Amino acid sequence: MSMAADAAEAQDLVARYVYCVVLGEVGDWELRGLDERPVRAICAAGITALVHDCPAVPYQGDDAERVKVWVLAHSDVVDAAWERTGTVLPMSFDRIVRPGDGLDADEQVARWLTAEGDGFRATLERLRGKVELGVQLLWEPRVIAEGVAASDAEIQALQADVAGKSKGAAYFAQQKIERALRQALTARAEADYRRWFEQITALFPEVCVNELKKVPQRQMILNLSVLAPRERVAELGAVLTGFQSDGVEVRFTGPWPPYSFVRPSPAEPEPQA
């Protein structure tokens, strides 16, 4: 690239893409972020934002694969900061600070860190030494349904009553069995969810309840993000092992930076027109 092209590009990179905030003042970690942009630190008020220089436009587009690569690069920078400092306040993807109010983008980031410093520090202290863990508990529907039917007295009585009935009568009896089984499965799902949730939160009270997902050949009953001290990850794993049984699958993932437990962060300072 020519010197003229370098100058033109530098002039275009007037904004700052923010990855995360960490406690203290950090030096150059030689990280690369979105599109291999060099990541650098902006420090103010005893905290640091990791950023790269960028145009004052969002990272958007119709190329889903490219967006996926961007999101992964964002996560990689946050993960690296988390591993090096132990505590990180992740920013959401595509948080961009622009120049304004007579300040360049670096000065805007520094002003933002100073203005929101107390809140950032409080959140970072709350998250110090903690990790996010994913917990999903799923049924294998056929196995669970067979077990419920075999242990439910009403369903057993209805199944016994089908024998010897005419074809028409047997059809209506079978409908009763299916209704009773659906009700029994709903009650079992509620009981399993309540029992699992209570045991997990008795140890780790800070959880986020996530939307249940569709999984091929499985029925998800519980989907949590759990905030736990890093040194107690194995303790949660031991509890989850106790939930496994015929027809019950446990999925335990992490540890990750605590994305789900970062309260909505203040918007970056907006430049005035």
Protein backbone atom coordinates (compact mmCIF):
# COMPACT_ATOMS: atom_id res chain seq x y z
CA MET A 1 0.00 0.00 0.00
CA SER A 2 1.36 3.45 -0.91
CA MET A 3 1.98 6.20 1.62
CA ALA A 4 -0.93 8.14 0.11
CA ALA A 5 -3.24 5.14 0.53
CA ASP A 6 -2.03 4.66 4.11
CA ALA A 7 -2.79 8.30 4.88
CA ALA A 8 -6.23 8.07 3.29
CA GLU A 9 -7.06 4.97 5.31
CA ALA A 10 -5.83 6.53 8.56
CA GLN A 11 -7.99 9.58 7.91
CA ASP A 12 -11.00 7.30 7.46
CA LEU A 13 -10.42 5.47 10.76
CA VAL A 14 -11.87 8.23 12.93
CA ALA A 15 -13.97 6.04 15.28
CA ARG A 16 -13.15 3.37 17.85
CA TYR A 17 -14.64 -0.12 18.00
CA VAL A 18 -14.85 -1.16 21.69
CA TYR A 19 -14.44 -4.81 22.71
CA CYS A 20 -14.45 -4.68 26.48
CA VAL A 21 -13.44 -2.82 29.62
CA VAL A 22 -10.98 -4.15 32.22
CA LEU A 23 -9.70 -2.90 35.56
CA GLY A 24 -6.37 -1.08 35.71
CA GLU A 25 -4.14 0.22 32.98
CA VAL A 26 -2.85 -2.36 30.53
CA GLY A 27 -0.15 -2.20 27.89
CA ASP A 28 0.05 -3.53 24.36
CA TRP A 29 -1.03 -7.19 24.16
CA GLU A 30 -0.46 -7.46 20.41
CA LEU A 31 -4.01 -8.67 19.83
CA ARG A 32 -5.78 -8.62 16.47
CA GLY A 33 -9.49 -8.01 16.20
CA LEU A 34 -12.08 -7.68 13.42
CA ASP A 35 -10.50 -7.82 9.96
CA GLU A 36 -7.11 -8.32 11.70
CA ARG A 37 -7.16 -4.75 13.00
CA PRO A 38 -4.60 -4.17 15.79
CA VAL A 39 -6.22 -3.85 19.20
CA ARG A 40 -4.94 -1.17 21.56
CA ALA A 41 -5.75 0.19 25.00
CA ILE A 42 -7.30 3.51 26.00
CA CYS A 43 -6.92 4.13 29.75
CA ALA A 44 -8.74 6.61 31.98
CA ALA A 45 -9.87 6.75 35.60
CA GLY A 46 -8.05 3.54 36.45
CA ILE A 47 -9.83 1.39 33.85
CA THR A 48 -9.05 0.43 30.28
CA ALA A 49 -11.07 -0.04 27.11
CA LEU A 50 -9.68 -2.32 24.41
CA VAL A 51 -10.41 -0.84 20.97
CA HIS A 52 -9.40 -0.77 17.36
CA ASP A 53 -9.50 2.17 14.97
CA CYS A 54 -12.39 1.96 12.50
CA PRO A 55 -14.61 4.01 10.21
CA ALA A 56 -17.61 5.66 11.85
CA VAL A 57 -20.03 3.11 10.34
CA PRO A 58 -21.44 -0.13 11.76
CA TYR A 59 -20.10 -3.59 10.95
CA GLN A 60 -23.10 -4.81 9.00
CA GLY A 61 -23.78 -6.56 5.73
CA ASP A 62 -25.65 -9.28 3.90
CA ASP A 63 -22.75 -11.74 4.04
CA ALA A 64 -23.74 -13.92 7.01
CA GLU A 65 -20.44 -15.80 6.95
CA ARG A 66 -18.43 -12.59 7.19
CA VAL A 67 -20.58 -11.35 10.09
CA LYS A 68 -19.99 -14.68 11.83
CA VAL A 69 -16.22 -14.22 11.43
CA TRP A 70 -16.50 -10.71 12.90
CA VAL A 71 -18.47 -11.96 15.92
CA LEU A 72 -15.91 -14.71 16.54
CA ALA A 73 -13.06 -12.20 16.31
CA HIS A 74 -14.85 -9.98 18.84
CA SER A 75 -15.22 -12.96 21.20
CA ASP A 76 -11.56 -13.91 20.77
CA VAL A 77 -10.41 -10.48 21.94
CA VAL A 78 -12.75 -10.56 24.95
CA ASP A 79 -11.59 -14.10 25.80
CA ALA A 80 -7.94 -13.04 25.63
CA ALA A 81 -8.58 -10.06 27.92
CA TRP A 82 -10.50 -12.29 30.32
CA GLU A 83 -7.73 -14.88 30.47
CA ARG A 84 -5.09 -12.22 31.11
CA THR A 85 -6.94 -10.16 33.72
CA GLY A 86 -9.40 -12.65 35.26
CA THR A 87 -12.27 -10.17 35.03
CA VAL A 88 -13.72 -8.43 32.00
CA LEU A 89 -16.75 -6.33 31.14
CA PRO A 90 -17.65 -7.40 27.58
CA MET A 91 -19.28 -4.93 25.24
CA SER A 92 -21.91 -6.06 22.77
CA PHE A 93 -20.86 -6.58 19.16
CA ASP A 94 -20.59 -3.41 17.05
CA ARG A 95 -20.20 -0.83 19.84
CA ILE A 96 -18.54 2.11 18.12
CA VAL A 97 -17.49 5.43 19.68
CA ARG A 98 -17.40 8.37 17.28
CA PRO A 99 -15.73 11.78 17.56
CA GLY A 100 -17.84 14.73 18.60
CA ASP A 101 -18.17 17.71 20.96
CA GLY A 102 -14.79 18.88 19.69
CA LEU A 103 -13.17 15.63 20.88
CA ASP A 104 -11.57 12.94 18.78
CA ALA A 105 -12.65 9.32 19.31
CA ASP A 106 -9.86 8.50 21.80
CA GLU A 107 -10.88 11.50 23.91
CA GLN A 108 -14.53 10.44 23.68
CA VAL A 109 -13.65 6.94 24.93
CA ALA A 110 -11.63 8.44 27.81
CA ARG A 111 -14.51 10.74 28.70
CA TRP A 112 -16.91 7.79 28.62
CA LEU A 113 -14.67 5.69 30.89
CA THR A 114 -14.38 8.59 33.34
CA ALA A 115 -18.09 9.36 33.39
CA GLU A 116 -19.14 5.72 33.82
CA GLY A 117 -16.12 4.64 35.84
CA ASP A 118 -17.97 3.98 39.11
CA GLY A 119 -20.51 1.75 37.39
CA PHE A 120 -17.87 -0.09 35.40
CA ARG A 121 -15.76 -0.70 38.50
CA ALA A 122 -18.77 -1.94 40.51
CA THR A 123 -19.70 -4.42 37.78
CA LEU A 124 -16.12 -5.61 37.37
CA GLU A 125 -15.82 -6.16 41.13
CA ARG A 126 -19.10 -8.12 41.12
CA LEU A 127 -17.79 -10.34 38.34
CA ARG A 128 -14.25 -10.72 39.72
CA GLY A 129 -13.12 -14.35 39.62
CA LYS A 130 -16.46 -15.57 38.21
CA VAL A 131 -17.29 -17.39 35.01
CA GLU A 132 -20.39 -18.11 32.98
CA LEU A 133 -21.46 -21.74 32.55
CA GLY A 134 -24.15 -23.12 30.26
CA VAL A 135 -26.53 -25.78 31.58
CA GLN A 136 -29.07 -27.54 29.37
CA LEU A 137 -31.17 -30.50 30.46
CA LEU A 138 -33.00 -32.46 27.79
CA TRP A 139 -35.38 -35.39 27.60
CA GLU A 140 -35.29 -38.24 25.13
CA PRO A 141 -39.10 -38.12 24.62
CA ARG A 142 -39.70 -41.79 23.81
CA VAL A 143 -37.82 -43.04 26.86
CA ILE A 144 -39.46 -40.53 29.21
CA ALA A 145 -42.94 -41.25 27.83
CA GLU A 146 -42.47 -44.99 28.32
CA GLY A 147 -41.35 -44.46 31.89
CA VAL A 148 -44.22 -42.11 32.70
CA ALA A 149 -46.80 -44.46 31.16
CA ALA A 150 -45.42 -47.41 33.10
CA SER A 151 -45.60 -45.59 36.44
CA ASP A 152 -48.92 -43.74 36.07
CA ALA A 153 -51.85 -45.64 37.60
CA GLU A 154 -54.49 -43.83 35.51
CA ILE A 155 -52.69 -44.58 32.24
CA GLN A 156 -52.18 -48.19 33.26
CA ALA A 157 -55.91 -48.56 34.01
CA LEU A 158 -56.87 -46.97 30.69
CA GLN A 159 -54.49 -49.24 28.79
CA ALA A 160 -55.94 -52.32 30.50
CA ASP A 161 -59.45 -51.13 29.62
CA VAL A 162 -58.65 -50.99 25.89
CA ALA A 163 -58.34 -54.77 25.66
CA GLY A 164 -61.49 -56.41 24.35
CA LYS A 165 -63.15 -53.20 23.17
CA SER A 166 -64.54 -52.79 19.69
CA LYS A 167 -62.50 -50.88 17.14
CA GLY A 168 -64.52 -47.67 17.62
CA ALA A 169 -64.50 -47.88 21.40
CA ALA A 170 -60.80 -48.69 21.41
CA TYR A 171 -60.11 -45.55 19.33
CA PHE A 172 -61.80 -43.29 21.89
CA ALA A 173 -60.06 -45.13 24.73
CA GLN A 174 -56.73 -44.54 23.02
CA GLN A 175 -57.53 -40.83 22.79
CA LYS A 176 -58.07 -40.80 26.56
CA ILE A 177 -54.72 -42.52 27.04
CA GLU A 178 -52.93 -39.93 24.90
CA ARG A 179 -54.57 -37.03 26.77
CA ALA A 180 -53.65 -38.58 30.11
CA LEU A 181 -50.08 -39.13 28.91
CA ARG A 182 -49.74 -35.51 27.74
CA GLN A 183 -50.96 -34.29 31.13
CA ALA A 184 -48.60 -36.63 32.95
CA LEU A 185 -45.65 -35.53 30.81
CA THR A 186 -46.46 -31.85 31.42
CA ALA A 187 -46.54 -32.50 35.17
CA ARG A 188 -43.25 -34.42 34.97
CA ALA A 189 -41.59 -31.63 32.97
CA GLU A 190 -42.68 -29.04 35.54
CA ALA A 191 -41.45 -31.21 38.41
CA ASP A 192 -38.12 -31.92 36.75
CA TYR A 193 -37.57 -28.25 35.91
CA ARG A 194 -38.43 -27.13 39.46
CA ARG A 195 -36.22 -29.79 41.08
CA TRP A 196 -33.24 -29.10 38.82
CA PHE A 197 -33.58 -25.32 39.06
CA GLU A 198 -33.82 -25.36 42.85
CA GLN A 199 -30.76 -27.58 43.27
CA ILE A 200 -28.65 -25.46 40.92
CA THR A 201 -29.68 -22.11 42.39
CA ALA A 202 -29.22 -23.37 45.95
CA LEU A 203 -25.49 -23.45 45.12
CA PHE A 204 -25.26 -20.65 42.55
CA PRO A 205 -28.08 -18.09 42.98
CA GLU A 206 -27.13 -15.88 40.02
CA VAL A 207 -28.61 -17.48 36.90
CA CYS A 208 -30.17 -16.32 33.65
CA VAL A 209 -33.12 -18.37 32.40
CA ASN A 210 -32.73 -18.72 28.64
CA GLU A 211 -35.30 -19.56 25.98
CA LEU A 212 -35.82 -23.28 25.37
CA LYS A 213 -34.47 -24.39 22.00
CA LYS A 214 -35.67 -26.99 19.54
CA VAL A 215 -33.24 -29.91 19.45
CA PRO A 216 -33.57 -32.87 17.04
CA GLN A 217 -34.92 -35.97 18.79
CA ARG A 218 -34.80 -34.24 22.17
CA GLN A 219 -37.03 -31.99 24.27
CA MET A 220 -35.22 -29.25 26.15
CA ILE A 221 -36.60 -28.82 29.66
CA LEU A 222 -34.14 -26.33 31.17
CA ASN A 223 -31.67 -23.85 29.67
CA LEU A 224 -29.65 -21.74 32.10
CA SER A 225 -26.60 -19.55 32.19
CA VAL A 226 -24.98 -19.83 35.62
CA LEU A 227 -22.57 -17.36 37.21
CA ALA A 228 -20.10 -19.28 39.39
CA PRO A 229 -16.71 -18.73 40.99
CA ARG A 230 -14.05 -20.15 38.70
CA GLU A 231 -12.82 -22.54 41.40
CA ARG A 232 -16.30 -24.08 41.82
CA VAL A 233 -16.90 -25.18 38.23
CA ALA A 234 -16.32 -28.84 39.13
CA GLU A 235 -18.86 -28.55 41.95
CA LEU A 236 -21.60 -27.66 39.50
CA GLY A 237 -20.47 -30.47 37.22
CA ALA A 238 -20.88 -32.95 40.08
CA VAL A 239 -24.42 -31.74 40.74
CA LEU A 240 -25.35 -32.09 37.08
CA THR A 241 -23.97 -35.62 36.96
CA GLY A 242 -26.59 -36.51 39.56
CA PHE A 243 -29.35 -35.40 37.18
CA GLN A 244 -28.43 -37.91 34.49
CA SER A 245 -30.74 -40.90 34.17
CA ASP A 246 -32.47 -42.95 31.47
CA GLY A 247 -33.85 -40.50 28.96
CA VAL A 248 -32.23 -37.42 30.55
CA GLU A 249 -29.26 -35.75 28.84
CA VAL A 250 -27.12 -33.08 30.50
CA ARG A 251 -25.18 -30.53 28.45
CA PHE A 252 -22.63 -28.53 30.44
CA THR A 253 -20.58 -25.88 28.62
CA GLY A 254 -18.05 -23.19 29.48
CA PRO A 255 -16.40 -21.57 31.27
CA TRP A 256 -16.80 -18.29 29.39
CA PRO A 257 -16.59 -14.59 30.17
CA PRO A 258 -19.84 -13.60 31.90
CA TYR A 259 -21.66 -12.07 28.93
CA SER A 260 -25.13 -12.90 30.29
CA PHE A 261 -24.47 -11.18 33.61
CA VAL A 262 -23.33 -7.79 32.38
CA ARG A 263 -26.10 -5.35 33.11
CA PRO A 264 -26.93 -3.05 30.18
CA SER A 265 -23.93 -0.77 29.81
CA PRO A 266 -24.31 2.96 29.27
CA ALA A 267 -24.37 4.12 25.69
CA GLU A 268 -21.20 5.66 24.40
CA PRO A 269 -21.08 9.47 24.38
CA GLU A 270 -22.99 10.72 21.37
CA PRO A 271 -21.45 13.53 19.35
CA GLN A 272 -23.56 16.64 19.11
CA ALA A 273 -24.61 17.87 15.68
